[in-house]
Amino acid sequence: MATVLLDVVTAERSVFHGDVNMVLVPGALGQIGILPHHAPLMTMIEPGELIIRMGEEEIILAVSGGFVEVTPSV
């Protein structure tokens, strides 16, 4: 199964780093689903829940804002 490398970083520290199956991000116009091979993207994050899915496991992080950047696979 394909994965995407996710880094969640705050001003103080790295909160999460690892390969995941999907990320759901609260965006300005609604929730954005990011899957492996997603097109490059940069957008603002709104306050809400950042949902990380790894197989059957789900991690939910509260976010107060920021931005998300999706870059091409290398």
Protein backbone atom coordinates (compact mmCIF):
# COMPACT_ATOMS: atom_id res chain seq x y z
CA MET A 1 0.00 0.00 0.00
CA ALA A 2 1.32 3.44 -0.93
CA THR A 3 2.11 5.94 1.80
CA VAL A 4 2.91 9.61 2.14
CA LEU A 5 5.61 11.01 4.45
CA LEU A 6 4.03 13.36 7.00
CA ASP A 7 5.82 15.90 9.20
CA VAL A 8 3.74 17.86 11.73
CA VAL A 9 5.85 20.65 13.19
CA THR A 10 5.08 23.42 15.69
CA ALA A 11 7.23 26.41 16.59
CA GLU A 12 8.56 24.44 19.57
CA ARG A 13 9.07 20.89 18.26
CA SER A 14 8.26 18.10 15.83
CA VAL A 15 4.94 16.52 16.83
CA PHE A 16 4.73 13.70 14.26
CA HIS A 17 7.03 12.21 11.61
CA GLY A 18 6.23 9.07 9.66
CA ASP A 19 4.65 7.34 6.69
CA VAL A 20 0.85 7.45 6.65
CA ASN A 21 -1.96 6.30 4.36
CA MET A 22 -4.01 9.50 4.51
CA VAL A 23 -4.20 12.89 6.20
CA LEU A 24 -7.36 14.96 6.64
CA VAL A 25 -6.63 18.66 7.12
CA PRO A 26 -9.11 21.42 8.09
CA GLY A 27 -8.74 23.92 5.25
CA ALA A 28 -10.27 27.34 4.66
CA LEU A 29 -12.94 25.90 2.32
CA GLY A 30 -13.48 22.62 4.18
CA GLN A 31 -11.65 19.41 4.93
CA ILE A 32 -8.82 18.42 2.56
CA GLY A 33 -7.93 14.76 2.11
CA ILE A 34 -4.30 14.09 1.20
CA LEU A 35 -3.44 10.67 -0.20
CA PRO A 36 -0.20 9.31 -1.70
CA HIS A 37 0.67 10.93 -5.09
CA HIS A 38 -1.42 14.04 -4.29
CA ALA A 39 -0.77 17.03 -6.54
CA PRO A 40 1.57 19.69 -5.08
CA LEU A 41 -0.37 22.07 -2.86
CA MET A 42 0.10 24.84 -0.32
CA THR A 43 -2.82 26.23 1.69
CA MET A 44 -3.75 27.60 5.09
CA ILE A 45 -4.94 25.36 7.93
CA GLU A 46 -7.98 26.46 9.92
CA PRO A 47 -8.54 25.59 13.59
CA GLY A 48 -9.89 22.07 13.94
CA GLU A 49 -8.81 18.42 13.89
CA LEU A 50 -5.93 17.04 11.84
CA ILE A 51 -6.68 13.35 11.29
CA ILE A 52 -3.84 10.96 10.47
CA ARG A 53 -4.69 7.46 9.21
CA MET A 54 -2.17 4.62 9.22
CA GLY A 55 -3.86 1.34 8.32
CA GLU A 56 -6.46 0.69 11.02
CA GLU A 57 -4.92 3.27 13.40
CA GLU A 58 -6.17 6.86 13.55
CA ILE A 59 -4.44 9.76 15.34
CA ILE A 60 -6.31 13.03 15.90
CA LEU A 61 -4.42 16.24 16.63
CA ALA A 62 -5.96 19.60 17.50
CA VAL A 63 -4.61 22.42 15.34
CA SER A 64 -5.13 26.15 15.77
CA GLY A 65 -3.89 27.22 12.34
CA GLY A 66 -0.82 27.18 10.15
CA PHE A 67 -0.25 25.87 6.67
CA VAL A 68 0.10 22.59 4.81
CA GLU A 69 2.55 21.95 1.98
CA VAL A 70 2.35 18.89 -0.26
CA THR A 71 5.50 18.34 -2.32
CA PRO A 72 6.16 15.80 -5.11
CA SER A 73 7.59 12.41 -4.18
CA VAL A 74 11.32 12.17 -4.76
